[in-house]
Amino acid sequence: MTSETTHTMFGAHSTTGDVLAGVDLTGRTAVVTGGYSGLGLATTRALTQAGARVVVPARRPDAARQALAGAAGVEVDQIDLADLASVRAFAERFLRRHPALDILVAGAGVMACPQTRVGPGWEAQFAINHLGHHALVNLLWPALAASGAARVVSVASGRDPSWRIRWDDVQFERGYDKWEAYTQSKLANILFARHLGLLGRPHRVRAFSVNPGYIQTPLQRHLTVEEMVAAGWIDADGTPAPGLFKTVEQGAATQVWAATSPHLDAYGGDYCADCQVTDGGPDDSSTAARLWALSADLTGLDLIDRAGGAAGVSG
């Protein structure tokens, strides 16, 4: 991790096409969770158009195949990030078919959903947005380490100093607040990339978290029109607030840039927005390590760094 802000030729209005201009990903393999809707769909299309082979693990494979119909270089598979057995089964299939993984974009997620319990009673947003991806990265670690130059991109949100991990009640068993649960999961995305950047450094696996900005996608499906009006996102007629929202291609640009830009070869663990590394806040490495330990305990999965980067079972 660095504490400097990068200055690149790209910015808030850059598109996936802009950041991939002249980039050849032929022979590279990527996994994009949520890669058949919203930002994920734009990311999948951009990576395949640059020559990558993209595997899209989907909770609804039929819907994914329909959304990706006509896209060359895409493989759709089954996954439910809320179910560790499903994550493990996907990883086992992937490792049988692909010796190396060059790019993993952890983009699938839910936002501000009603209180929902999944798996062993986990709060759904923390489970899907964070714990499922923690497990996925650990289980795919042999392929990431085999790449020799892999990137893991965790799609977060706009960072706010008030966000916190609810250490004494991470699963919201005492008083559920859908927005506090969502921001906890997005902070977890940032902290996950921070610690993975440290663990991955000896294996040339670089991790980044990204803020895509405001984009109208199916992520808002749990919100009412009244809530979005109150937030100032749209007016009473449903018209978006002027200048607030990016296009999907602009929103996906930062995660595609983080996944591919040679400018980031000297970085790792950093938080990015508008196609820039924007770190410079307080050091949260100890918090990131604490979250990693908690996640390893909850999922039973951790990186065994001394064993050549294999995935192991903790506990």
C-alpha atoms as a PDB file:
ATOM      1  CA  MET A   1       0.000   0.000   0.000  1.00  0.00           C
ATOM      2  CA  THR A   2       1.115   3.536  -0.689  1.00  0.00           C
ATOM      3  CA  SER A   3      -0.192   6.777   0.766  1.00  0.00           C
ATOM      4  CA  GLU A   4       0.104   8.762  -2.433  1.00  0.00           C
ATOM      5  CA  THR A   5      -2.672   9.678  -4.824  1.00  0.00           C
ATOM      6  CA  THR A   6      -1.930   8.661  -8.390  1.00  0.00           C
ATOM      7  CA  HIS A   7      -2.362  11.018 -11.302  1.00  0.00           C
ATOM      8  CA  THR A   8      -3.333   9.258 -14.503  1.00  0.00           C
ATOM      9  CA  MET A   9      -4.835  10.340 -17.789  1.00  0.00           C
ATOM     10  CA  PHE A  10      -8.175   8.860 -16.698  1.00  0.00           C
ATOM     11  CA  GLY A  11     -10.858  10.254 -14.424  1.00  0.00           C
ATOM     12  CA  ALA A  12     -14.497  10.210 -13.375  1.00  0.00           C
ATOM     13  CA  HIS A  13     -15.818  10.301 -16.931  1.00  0.00           C
ATOM     14  CA  SER A  14     -13.474   7.679 -18.392  1.00  0.00           C
ATOM     15  CA  THR A  15     -15.129   4.531 -19.726  1.00  0.00           C
ATOM     16  CA  THR A  16     -14.076   0.904 -19.854  1.00  0.00           C
ATOM     17  CA  GLY A  17     -13.173   1.472 -23.491  1.00  0.00           C
ATOM     18  CA  ASP A  18     -10.906   4.349 -22.544  1.00  0.00           C
ATOM     19  CA  VAL A  19      -8.931   2.458 -19.906  1.00  0.00           C
ATOM     20  CA  LEU A  20      -8.557  -0.650 -22.084  1.00  0.00           C
ATOM     21  CA  ALA A  21      -7.541   1.184 -25.262  1.00  0.00           C
ATOM     22  CA  GLY A  22      -4.443  -0.586 -26.546  1.00  0.00           C
ATOM     23  CA  VAL A  23      -4.580  -3.275 -23.824  1.00  0.00           C
ATOM     24  CA  ASP A  24      -4.360  -6.871 -25.079  1.00  0.00           C
ATOM     25  CA  LEU A  25      -5.642  -9.489 -22.627  1.00  0.00           C
ATOM     26  CA  THR A  26      -5.345 -12.420 -25.010  1.00  0.00           C
ATOM     27  CA  GLY A  27      -4.447 -15.543 -23.064  1.00  0.00           C
ATOM     28  CA  ARG A  28      -5.567 -14.074 -19.725  1.00  0.00           C
ATOM     29  CA  THR A  29      -8.295 -15.671 -17.612  1.00  0.00           C
ATOM     30  CA  ALA A  30     -10.672 -13.667 -15.424  1.00  0.00           C
ATOM     31  CA  VAL A  31     -13.459 -14.420 -12.968  1.00  0.00           C
ATOM     32  CA  VAL A  32     -16.138 -11.739 -12.515  1.00  0.00           C
ATOM     33  CA  THR A  33     -18.740 -12.373  -9.825  1.00  0.00           C
ATOM     34  CA  GLY A  34     -21.971 -10.596 -10.644  1.00  0.00           C
ATOM     35  CA  GLY A  35     -20.648 -10.479 -14.199  1.00  0.00           C
ATOM     36  CA  TYR A  36     -24.029 -10.627 -15.895  1.00  0.00           C
ATOM     37  CA  SER A  37     -25.754  -7.525 -14.499  1.00  0.00           C
ATOM     38  CA  GLY A  38     -24.996  -3.835 -14.079  1.00  0.00           C
ATOM     39  CA  LEU A  39     -21.332  -3.009 -13.516  1.00  0.00           C
ATOM     40  CA  GLY A  40     -20.383  -6.671 -13.675  1.00  0.00           C
ATOM     41  CA  LEU A  41     -21.891  -7.080 -17.132  1.00  0.00           C
ATOM     42  CA  ALA A  42     -20.017  -4.010 -18.389  1.00  0.00           C
ATOM     43  CA  THR A  43     -16.819  -5.421 -16.868  1.00  0.00           C
ATOM     44  CA  THR A  44     -17.286  -8.827 -18.466  1.00  0.00           C
ATOM     45  CA  ARG A  45     -17.922  -7.322 -21.875  1.00  0.00           C
ATOM     46  CA  ALA A  46     -14.936  -4.987 -21.619  1.00  0.00           C
ATOM     47  CA  LEU A  47     -12.533  -7.755 -20.597  1.00  0.00           C
ATOM     48  CA  THR A  48     -13.693 -10.120 -23.330  1.00  0.00           C
ATOM     49  CA  GLN A  49     -13.463  -7.389 -25.941  1.00  0.00           C
ATOM     50  CA  ALA A  50      -9.823  -6.943 -24.897  1.00  0.00           C
ATOM     51  CA  GLY A  51      -9.244 -10.660 -25.475  1.00  0.00           C
ATOM     52  CA  ALA A  52      -9.654 -12.209 -22.010  1.00  0.00           C
ATOM     53  CA  ARG A  53     -11.444 -15.441 -21.264  1.00  0.00           C
ATOM     54  CA  VAL A  54     -14.010 -14.573 -18.575  1.00  0.00           C
ATOM     55  CA  VAL A  55     -15.677 -17.040 -16.235  1.00  0.00           C
ATOM     56  CA  VAL A  56     -18.910 -15.699 -14.743  1.00  0.00           C
ATOM     57  CA  PRO A  57     -20.063 -17.620 -11.665  1.00  0.00           C
ATOM     58  CA  ALA A  58     -23.748 -16.877 -11.208  1.00  0.00           C
ATOM     59  CA  ARG A  59     -26.506 -17.684  -8.747  1.00  0.00           C
ATOM     60  CA  ARG A  60     -28.863 -17.722 -11.740  1.00  0.00           C
ATOM     61  CA  PRO A  61     -26.854 -19.324 -14.578  1.00  0.00           C
ATOM     62  CA  ASP A  62     -29.755 -19.271 -17.047  1.00  0.00           C
ATOM     63  CA  ALA A  63     -30.210 -15.531 -16.548  1.00  0.00           C
ATOM     64  CA  ALA A  64     -26.463 -15.057 -16.919  1.00  0.00           C
ATOM     65  CA  ARG A  65     -26.362 -16.973 -20.200  1.00  0.00           C
ATOM     66  CA  GLN A  66     -29.244 -14.903 -21.519  1.00  0.00           C
ATOM     67  CA  ALA A  67     -27.588 -11.608 -20.514  1.00  0.00           C
ATOM     68  CA  LEU A  68     -24.278 -12.703 -22.030  1.00  0.00           C
ATOM     69  CA  ALA A  69     -25.682 -14.215 -25.215  1.00  0.00           C
ATOM     70  CA  GLY A  70     -23.453 -13.365 -28.129  1.00  0.00           C
ATOM     71  CA  ALA A  71     -20.450 -12.451 -25.999  1.00  0.00           C
ATOM     72  CA  ALA A  72     -17.406 -14.389 -27.143  1.00  0.00           C
ATOM     73  CA  GLY A  73     -14.970 -15.817 -24.617  1.00  0.00           C
ATOM     74  CA  VAL A  74     -17.414 -16.204 -21.711  1.00  0.00           C
ATOM     75  CA  GLU A  75     -17.989 -19.288 -19.564  1.00  0.00           C
ATOM     76  CA  VAL A  76     -20.946 -19.309 -17.147  1.00  0.00           C
ATOM     77  CA  ASP A  77     -20.928 -21.470 -14.018  1.00  0.00           C
ATOM     78  CA  GLN A  78     -22.989 -21.877 -10.857  1.00  0.00           C
ATOM     79  CA  ILE A  79     -22.265 -20.212  -7.515  1.00  0.00           C
ATOM     80  CA  ASP A  80     -24.165 -18.976  -4.485  1.00  0.00           C
ATOM     81  CA  LEU A  81     -21.887 -16.711  -2.464  1.00  0.00           C
ATOM     82  CA  ALA A  82     -24.131 -17.170   0.570  1.00  0.00           C
ATOM     83  CA  ASP A  83     -23.425 -20.937   0.559  1.00  0.00           C
ATOM     84  CA  LEU A  84     -19.840 -21.996   1.295  1.00  0.00           C
ATOM     85  CA  ALA A  85     -20.455 -25.459  -0.164  1.00  0.00           C
ATOM     86  CA  SER A  86     -21.475 -23.826  -3.447  1.00  0.00           C
ATOM     87  CA  VAL A  87     -18.397 -21.576  -3.401  1.00  0.00           C
ATOM     88  CA  ARG A  88     -16.171 -24.585  -2.775  1.00  0.00           C
ATOM     89  CA  ALA A  89     -17.805 -26.591  -5.570  1.00  0.00           C
ATOM     90  CA  PHE A  90     -17.310 -23.745  -8.046  1.00  0.00           C
ATOM     91  CA  ALA A  91     -13.665 -23.343  -7.043  1.00  0.00           C
ATOM     92  CA  GLU A  92     -13.023 -27.055  -7.478  1.00  0.00           C
ATOM     93  CA  ARG A  93     -14.526 -27.003 -10.981  1.00  0.00           C
ATOM     94  CA  PHE A  94     -12.537 -23.890 -11.892  1.00  0.00           C
ATOM     95  CA  LEU A  95      -9.236 -25.343 -10.702  1.00  0.00           C
ATOM     96  CA  ARG A  96      -9.799 -28.510 -12.742  1.00  0.00           C
ATOM     97  CA  ARG A  97     -10.322 -26.454 -15.918  1.00  0.00           C
ATOM     98  CA  HIS A  98      -7.936 -23.531 -15.498  1.00  0.00           C
ATOM     99  CA  PRO A  99      -4.339 -23.751 -14.276  1.00  0.00           C
ATOM    100  CA  ALA A 100      -4.053 -20.027 -13.545  1.00  0.00           C
ATOM    101  CA  LEU A 101      -6.276 -17.066 -12.771  1.00  0.00           C
ATOM    102  CA  ASP A 102      -5.058 -13.617 -13.793  1.00  0.00           C
ATOM    103  CA  ILE A 103      -7.978 -11.375 -12.765  1.00  0.00           C
ATOM    104  CA  LEU A 104     -10.677 -11.800 -10.130  1.00  0.00           C
ATOM    105  CA  VAL A 105     -13.278  -9.041  -9.876  1.00  0.00           C
ATOM    106  CA  ALA A 106     -15.393  -9.507  -6.748  1.00  0.00           C
ATOM    107  CA  GLY A 107     -18.408  -7.491  -7.814  1.00  0.00           C
ATOM    108  CA  ALA A 108     -21.521  -9.444  -6.839  1.00  0.00           C
ATOM    109  CA  GLY A 109     -23.455  -7.987  -3.958  1.00  0.00           C
ATOM    110  CA  VAL A 110     -26.680  -6.803  -2.380  1.00  0.00           C
ATOM    111  CA  MET A 111     -27.566  -3.407  -0.931  1.00  0.00           C
ATOM    112  CA  ALA A 112     -29.911  -2.337   1.858  1.00  0.00           C
ATOM    113  CA  CYS A 113     -31.941  -5.536   1.745  1.00  0.00           C
ATOM    114  CA  PRO A 114     -34.498  -6.566   4.374  1.00  0.00           C
ATOM    115  CA  GLN A 115     -33.029  -8.538   7.252  1.00  0.00           C
ATOM    116  CA  THR A 116     -32.086 -11.920   5.845  1.00  0.00           C
ATOM    117  CA  ARG A 117     -30.190 -14.854   7.340  1.00  0.00           C
ATOM    118  CA  VAL A 118     -28.107 -17.153   5.151  1.00  0.00           C
ATOM    119  CA  GLY A 119     -25.828 -20.118   5.728  1.00  0.00           C
ATOM    120  CA  PRO A 120     -25.194 -20.672   9.446  1.00  0.00           C
ATOM    121  CA  GLY A 121     -27.290 -17.629  10.382  1.00  0.00           C
ATOM    122  CA  TRP A 122     -25.054 -14.966   8.845  1.00  0.00           C
ATOM    123  CA  GLU A 123     -26.401 -11.504   7.995  1.00  0.00           C
ATOM    124  CA  ALA A 124     -26.899 -11.578   4.223  1.00  0.00           C
ATOM    125  CA  GLN A 125     -25.026  -8.422   3.201  1.00  0.00           C
ATOM    126  CA  PHE A 126     -21.908  -9.301   5.203  1.00  0.00           C
ATOM    127  CA  ALA A 127     -22.117 -12.900   3.981  1.00  0.00           C
ATOM    128  CA  ILE A 128     -22.622 -12.215   0.265  1.00  0.00           C
ATOM    129  CA  ASN A 129     -20.646  -9.005  -0.155  1.00  0.00           C
ATOM    130  CA  HIS A 130     -17.700 -10.071   1.985  1.00  0.00           C
ATOM    131  CA  LEU A 131     -17.516 -13.582   3.447  1.00  0.00           C
ATOM    132  CA  GLY A 132     -18.411 -15.366   0.198  1.00  0.00           C
ATOM    133  CA  HIS A 133     -15.683 -13.475  -1.617  1.00  0.00           C
ATOM    134  CA  HIS A 134     -13.191 -14.128   1.197  1.00  0.00           C
ATOM    135  CA  ALA A 135     -13.873 -17.842   0.752  1.00  0.00           C
ATOM    136  CA  LEU A 136     -13.710 -17.633  -3.042  1.00  0.00           C
ATOM    137  CA  VAL A 137     -10.319 -15.918  -3.093  1.00  0.00           C
ATOM    138  CA  ASN A 138      -8.897 -18.408  -0.610  1.00  0.00           C
ATOM    139  CA  LEU A 139     -10.180 -21.396  -2.559  1.00  0.00           C
ATOM    140  CA  LEU A 140      -8.905 -19.999  -5.878  1.00  0.00           C
ATOM    141  CA  TRP A 141      -5.565 -19.012  -4.369  1.00  0.00           C
ATOM    142  CA  PRO A 142      -3.543 -21.764  -6.121  1.00  0.00           C
ATOM    143  CA  ALA A 143      -4.652 -20.403  -9.508  1.00  0.00           C
ATOM    144  CA  LEU A 144      -4.047 -16.781  -8.486  1.00  0.00           C
ATOM    145  CA  ALA A 145      -0.555 -17.593  -7.232  1.00  0.00           C
ATOM    146  CA  ALA A 146       0.167 -19.551 -10.429  1.00  0.00           C
ATOM    147  CA  SER A 147      -0.522 -16.483 -12.591  1.00  0.00           C
ATOM    148  CA  GLY A 148       2.637 -14.698 -11.570  1.00  0.00           C
ATOM    149  CA  ALA A 149       0.918 -11.313 -11.976  1.00  0.00           C
ATOM    150  CA  ALA A 150      -2.663 -11.668 -10.730  1.00  0.00           C
ATOM    151  CA  ARG A 151      -5.046  -8.876  -9.730  1.00  0.00           C
ATOM    152  CA  VAL A 152      -7.956  -9.142  -7.285  1.00  0.00           C
ATOM    153  CA  VAL A 153     -10.425  -6.240  -7.351  1.00  0.00           C
ATOM    154  CA  SER A 154     -12.959  -5.853  -4.553  1.00  0.00           C
ATOM    155  CA  VAL A 155     -15.870  -3.621  -5.570  1.00  0.00           C
ATOM    156  CA  ALA A 156     -16.657  -1.450  -2.554  1.00  0.00           C
ATOM    157  CA  SER A 157     -18.334   1.963  -2.379  1.00  0.00           C
ATOM    158  CA  GLY A 158     -17.596   5.531  -1.374  1.00  0.00           C
ATOM    159  CA  ARG A 159     -15.584   5.398   1.840  1.00  0.00           C
ATOM    160  CA  ASP A 160     -16.849   7.304   4.889  1.00  0.00           C
ATOM    161  CA  PRO A 161     -14.962   7.769   8.187  1.00  0.00           C
ATOM    162  CA  SER A 162     -18.109   6.890  10.143  1.00  0.00           C
ATOM    163  CA  TRP A 163     -18.224   3.346   8.788  1.00  0.00           C
ATOM    164  CA  ARG A 164     -17.285   0.641  11.244  1.00  0.00           C
ATOM    165  CA  ILE A 165     -17.172  -3.097  11.733  1.00  0.00           C
ATOM    166  CA  ARG A 166     -19.645  -4.062  14.410  1.00  0.00           C
ATOM    167  CA  TRP A 167     -17.135  -6.302  16.176  1.00  0.00           C
ATOM    168  CA  ASP A 168     -19.427  -7.216  19.063  1.00  0.00           C
ATOM    169  CA  ASP A 169     -22.344  -8.098  16.758  1.00  0.00           C
ATOM    170  CA  VAL A 170     -21.058  -8.473  13.214  1.00  0.00           C
ATOM    171  CA  GLN A 171     -24.134 -10.490  12.181  1.00  0.00           C
ATOM    172  CA  PHE A 172     -26.601  -7.853  13.475  1.00  0.00           C
ATOM    173  CA  GLU A 173     -28.318 -10.176  15.907  1.00  0.00           C
ATOM    174  CA  ARG A 174     -29.177  -7.160  18.048  1.00  0.00           C
ATOM    175  CA  GLY A 175     -30.995  -4.484  16.084  1.00  0.00           C
ATOM    176  CA  TYR A 176     -30.783  -4.674  12.287  1.00  0.00           C
ATOM    177  CA  ASP A 177     -30.205  -1.517  10.285  1.00  0.00           C
ATOM    178  CA  LYS A 178     -30.030  -2.178   6.547  1.00  0.00           C
ATOM    179  CA  TRP A 179     -27.729   0.761   5.800  1.00  0.00           C
ATOM    180  CA  GLU A 180     -25.364   0.092   8.681  1.00  0.00           C
ATOM    181  CA  ALA A 181     -25.166  -3.532   7.569  1.00  0.00           C
ATOM    182  CA  TYR A 182     -24.466  -2.448   3.993  1.00  0.00           C
ATOM    183  CA  THR A 183     -21.725   0.021   4.922  1.00  0.00           C
ATOM    184  CA  GLN A 184     -20.141  -2.588   7.207  1.00  0.00           C
ATOM    185  CA  SER A 185     -19.953  -4.963   4.247  1.00  0.00           C
ATOM    186  CA  LYS A 186     -18.450  -2.288   2.000  1.00  0.00           C
ATOM    187  CA  LEU A 187     -15.858  -1.360   4.617  1.00  0.00           C
ATOM    188  CA  ALA A 188     -15.099  -5.075   4.800  1.00  0.00           C
ATOM    189  CA  ASN A 189     -14.453  -5.048   1.036  1.00  0.00           C
ATOM    190  CA  ILE A 190     -11.879  -2.285   1.503  1.00  0.00           C
ATOM    191  CA  LEU A 191     -10.191  -3.959   4.465  1.00  0.00           C
ATOM    192  CA  PHE A 192     -10.164  -7.318   2.672  1.00  0.00           C
ATOM    193  CA  ALA A 193      -8.227  -5.853  -0.255  1.00  0.00           C
ATOM    194  CA  ARG A 194      -5.900  -4.063   2.150  1.00  0.00           C
ATOM    195  CA  HIS A 195      -4.817  -7.280   3.881  1.00  0.00           C
ATOM    196  CA  LEU A 196      -4.846  -9.401   0.735  1.00  0.00           C
ATOM    197  CA  GLY A 197      -2.471  -6.887  -0.826  1.00  0.00           C
ATOM    198  CA  LEU A 198      -0.039  -7.643   1.995  1.00  0.00           C
ATOM    199  CA  LEU A 199      -0.455 -11.426   1.868  1.00  0.00           C
ATOM    200  CA  GLY A 200      -0.281 -11.548  -1.906  1.00  0.00           C
ATOM    201  CA  ARG A 201       2.852  -9.471  -2.347  1.00  0.00           C
ATOM    202  CA  PRO A 202       5.337 -12.409  -2.210  1.00  0.00           C
ATOM    203  CA  HIS A 203       3.294 -14.185  -4.910  1.00  0.00           C
ATOM    204  CA  ARG A 204       2.836 -11.124  -7.133  1.00  0.00           C
ATOM    205  CA  VAL A 205      -0.892 -11.112  -6.407  1.00  0.00           C
ATOM    206  CA  ARG A 206      -2.039  -7.501  -6.147  1.00  0.00           C
ATOM    207  CA  ALA A 207      -5.374  -6.524  -4.594  1.00  0.00           C
ATOM    208  CA  PHE A 208      -7.355  -3.300  -4.856  1.00  0.00           C
ATOM    209  CA  SER A 209     -10.710  -2.025  -3.649  1.00  0.00           C
ATOM    210  CA  VAL A 210     -12.680   0.396  -5.792  1.00  0.00           C
ATOM    211  CA  ASN A 211     -15.451   2.958  -5.479  1.00  0.00           C
ATOM    212  CA  PRO A 212     -17.388   2.893  -8.757  1.00  0.00           C
ATOM    213  CA  GLY A 213     -19.408   5.993  -7.906  1.00  0.00           C
ATOM    214  CA  TYR A 214     -23.166   6.473  -8.328  1.00  0.00           C
ATOM    215  CA  ILE A 215     -24.652   4.293 -11.068  1.00  0.00           C
ATOM    216  CA  GLN A 216     -28.245   3.226 -11.626  1.00  0.00           C
ATOM    217  CA  THR A 217     -28.182  -0.578 -11.667  1.00  0.00           C
ATOM    218  CA  PRO A 218     -30.274  -3.454 -10.272  1.00  0.00           C
ATOM    219  CA  LEU A 219     -28.314  -3.030  -7.008  1.00  0.00           C
ATOM    220  CA  GLN A 220     -31.016  -0.529  -5.973  1.00  0.00           C
ATOM    221  CA  ARG A 221     -33.801  -3.104  -6.287  1.00  0.00           C
ATOM    222  CA  HIS A 222     -34.530  -3.153  -2.539  1.00  0.00           C
ATOM    223  CA  LEU A 223     -35.077   0.617  -2.356  1.00  0.00           C
ATOM    224  CA  THR A 224     -38.397   2.383  -2.793  1.00  0.00           C
ATOM    225  CA  VAL A 225     -38.824   5.427  -5.003  1.00  0.00           C
ATOM    226  CA  GLU A 226     -39.533   7.440  -1.854  1.00  0.00           C
ATOM    227  CA  GLU A 227     -36.200   6.420  -0.333  1.00  0.00           C
ATOM    228  CA  MET A 228     -34.280   7.392  -3.458  1.00  0.00           C
ATOM    229  CA  VAL A 229     -36.101  10.749  -3.635  1.00  0.00           C
ATOM    230  CA  ALA A 230     -35.291  11.405   0.017  1.00  0.00           C
ATOM    231  CA  ALA A 231     -31.633  10.586  -0.665  1.00  0.00           C
ATOM    232  CA  GLY A 232     -31.582  13.124  -3.496  1.00  0.00           C
ATOM    233  CA  TRP A 233     -30.813  10.521  -6.152  1.00  0.00           C
ATOM    234  CA  ILE A 234     -33.943  11.131  -8.219  1.00  0.00           C
ATOM    235  CA  ASP A 235     -36.872  13.535  -8.240  1.00  0.00           C
ATOM    236  CA  ALA A 236     -40.513  12.594  -7.734  1.00  0.00           C
ATOM    237  CA  ASP A 237     -40.837  11.792 -11.445  1.00  0.00           C
ATOM    238  CA  GLY A 238     -37.889   9.391 -11.315  1.00  0.00           C
ATOM    239  CA  THR A 239     -35.472  11.722 -13.118  1.00  0.00           C
ATOM    240  CA  PRO A 240     -31.883  11.271 -11.879  1.00  0.00           C
ATOM    241  CA  ALA A 241     -30.254  14.200 -10.093  1.00  0.00           C
ATOM    242  CA  PRO A 242     -28.172  16.189 -12.624  1.00  0.00           C
ATOM    243  CA  GLY A 243     -24.497  15.285 -12.630  1.00  0.00           C
ATOM    244  CA  LEU A 244     -24.792  12.626  -9.915  1.00  0.00           C
ATOM    245  CA  PHE A 245     -24.827   9.366 -11.823  1.00  0.00           C
ATOM    246  CA  LYS A 246     -22.204   7.867 -14.083  1.00  0.00           C
ATOM    247  CA  THR A 247     -23.032   5.609 -16.998  1.00  0.00           C
ATOM    248  CA  VAL A 248     -22.476   1.905 -16.447  1.00  0.00           C
ATOM    249  CA  GLU A 249     -19.356   2.010 -18.626  1.00  0.00           C
ATOM    250  CA  GLN A 250     -17.984   4.915 -16.581  1.00  0.00           C
ATOM    251  CA  GLY A 251     -18.828   3.161 -13.319  1.00  0.00           C
ATOM    252  CA  ALA A 252     -17.081  -0.037 -14.401  1.00  0.00           C
ATOM    253  CA  ALA A 253     -13.985   1.816 -15.615  1.00  0.00           C
ATOM    254  CA  THR A 254     -12.219   1.958 -12.242  1.00  0.00           C
ATOM    255  CA  GLN A 255     -12.532  -1.773 -11.572  1.00  0.00           C
ATOM    256  CA  VAL A 256     -11.349  -2.593 -15.103  1.00  0.00           C
ATOM    257  CA  TRP A 257      -8.472  -0.132 -14.692  1.00  0.00           C
ATOM    258  CA  ALA A 258      -7.527  -1.658 -11.335  1.00  0.00           C
ATOM    259  CA  ALA A 259      -7.617  -5.127 -12.881  1.00  0.00           C
ATOM    260  CA  THR A 260      -5.410  -4.336 -15.861  1.00  0.00           C
ATOM    261  CA  SER A 261      -3.401  -1.105 -15.648  1.00  0.00           C
ATOM    262  CA  PRO A 262       0.394  -1.570 -15.717  1.00  0.00           C
ATOM    263  CA  HIS A 263       0.538   1.739 -13.817  1.00  0.00           C
ATOM    264  CA  LEU A 264      -0.515  -0.218 -10.711  1.00  0.00           C
ATOM    265  CA  ASP A 265       2.317  -2.751 -10.827  1.00  0.00           C
ATOM    266  CA  ALA A 266       4.004  -0.892  -7.960  1.00  0.00           C
ATOM    267  CA  TYR A 267       0.853  -0.804  -5.818  1.00  0.00           C
ATOM    268  CA  GLY A 268      -1.182  -3.285  -3.807  1.00  0.00           C
ATOM    269  CA  GLY A 269      -3.909  -3.155  -1.159  1.00  0.00           C
ATOM    270  CA  ASP A 270      -4.965   0.320  -2.239  1.00  0.00           C
ATOM    271  CA  TYR A 271      -8.376   1.990  -2.517  1.00  0.00           C
ATOM    272  CA  CYS A 272      -9.227   3.489  -5.915  1.00  0.00           C
ATOM    273  CA  ALA A 273     -11.839   5.877  -7.286  1.00  0.00           C
ATOM    274  CA  ASP A 274     -12.235   7.594 -10.657  1.00  0.00           C
ATOM    275  CA  CYS A 275      -9.314   5.554 -12.046  1.00  0.00           C
ATOM    276  CA  GLN A 276      -6.927   6.888  -9.400  1.00  0.00           C
ATOM    277  CA  VAL A 277      -5.380   5.446  -6.254  1.00  0.00           C
ATOM    278  CA  THR A 278      -6.858   7.668  -3.573  1.00  0.00           C
ATOM    279  CA  ASP A 279      -5.342   6.366  -0.351  1.00  0.00           C
ATOM    280  CA  GLY A 280      -4.018   8.853   2.134  1.00  0.00           C
ATOM    281  CA  GLY A 281      -6.261   8.387   5.141  1.00  0.00           C
ATOM    282  CA  PRO A 282      -5.384   6.783   8.478  1.00  0.00           C
ATOM    283  CA  ASP A 283      -3.535   3.482   8.494  1.00  0.00           C
ATOM    284  CA  ASP A 284      -6.124   0.711   8.864  1.00  0.00           C
ATOM    285  CA  SER A 285      -3.775  -2.262   8.463  1.00  0.00           C
ATOM    286  CA  SER A 286      -4.420  -3.548  12.000  1.00  0.00           C
ATOM    287  CA  THR A 287      -8.185  -3.369  11.447  1.00  0.00           C
ATOM    288  CA  ALA A 288      -7.762  -5.197   8.136  1.00  0.00           C
ATOM    289  CA  ALA A 289      -5.753  -7.951   9.842  1.00  0.00           C
ATOM    290  CA  ARG A 290      -8.411  -8.249  12.543  1.00  0.00           C
ATOM    291  CA  LEU A 291     -11.168  -8.596   9.942  1.00  0.00           C
ATOM    292  CA  TRP A 292      -9.132 -11.185   8.020  1.00  0.00           C
ATOM    293  CA  ALA A 293      -8.744 -13.267  11.197  1.00  0.00           C
ATOM    294  CA  LEU A 294     -12.477 -13.009  11.927  1.00  0.00           C
ATOM    295  CA  SER A 295     -13.369 -13.977   8.352  1.00  0.00           C
ATOM    296  CA  ALA A 296     -10.971 -16.926   8.448  1.00  0.00           C
ATOM    297  CA  ASP A 297     -12.590 -18.092  11.678  1.00  0.00           C
ATOM    298  CA  LEU A 298     -16.140 -17.750  10.315  1.00  0.00           C
ATOM    299  CA  THR A 299     -15.442 -19.460   6.965  1.00  0.00           C
ATOM    300  CA  GLY A 300     -12.759 -21.892   8.108  1.00  0.00           C
ATOM    301  CA  LEU A 301     -10.555 -20.638   5.281  1.00  0.00           C
ATOM    302  CA  ASP A 302      -7.224 -18.856   5.393  1.00  0.00           C
ATOM    303  CA  LEU A 303      -4.149 -18.548   3.205  1.00  0.00           C
ATOM    304  CA  ILE A 304      -1.273 -20.836   4.181  1.00  0.00           C
ATOM    305  CA  ASP A 305       1.444 -18.543   2.972  1.00  0.00           C
ATOM    306  CA  ARG A 306       4.301 -20.804   4.030  1.00  0.00           C
ATOM    307  CA  ALA A 307       2.880 -23.697   2.035  1.00  0.00           C
ATOM    308  CA  GLY A 308       3.445 -22.031  -1.301  1.00  0.00           C
ATOM    309  CA  GLY A 309       0.188 -20.103  -1.329  1.00  0.00           C
ATOM    310  CA  ALA A 310      -2.200 -23.025  -0.948  1.00  0.00           C
ATOM    311  CA  ALA A 311      -5.635 -22.655   0.593  1.00  0.00           C
ATOM    312  CA  GLY A 312      -5.964 -24.234   3.990  1.00  0.00           C
ATOM    313  CA  VAL A 313      -8.521 -24.803   6.687  1.00  0.00           C
ATOM    314  CA  SER A 314      -8.162 -22.935   9.942  1.00  0.00           C
ATOM    315  CA  GLY A 315      -9.595 -23.687  13.324  1.00  0.00           C
END
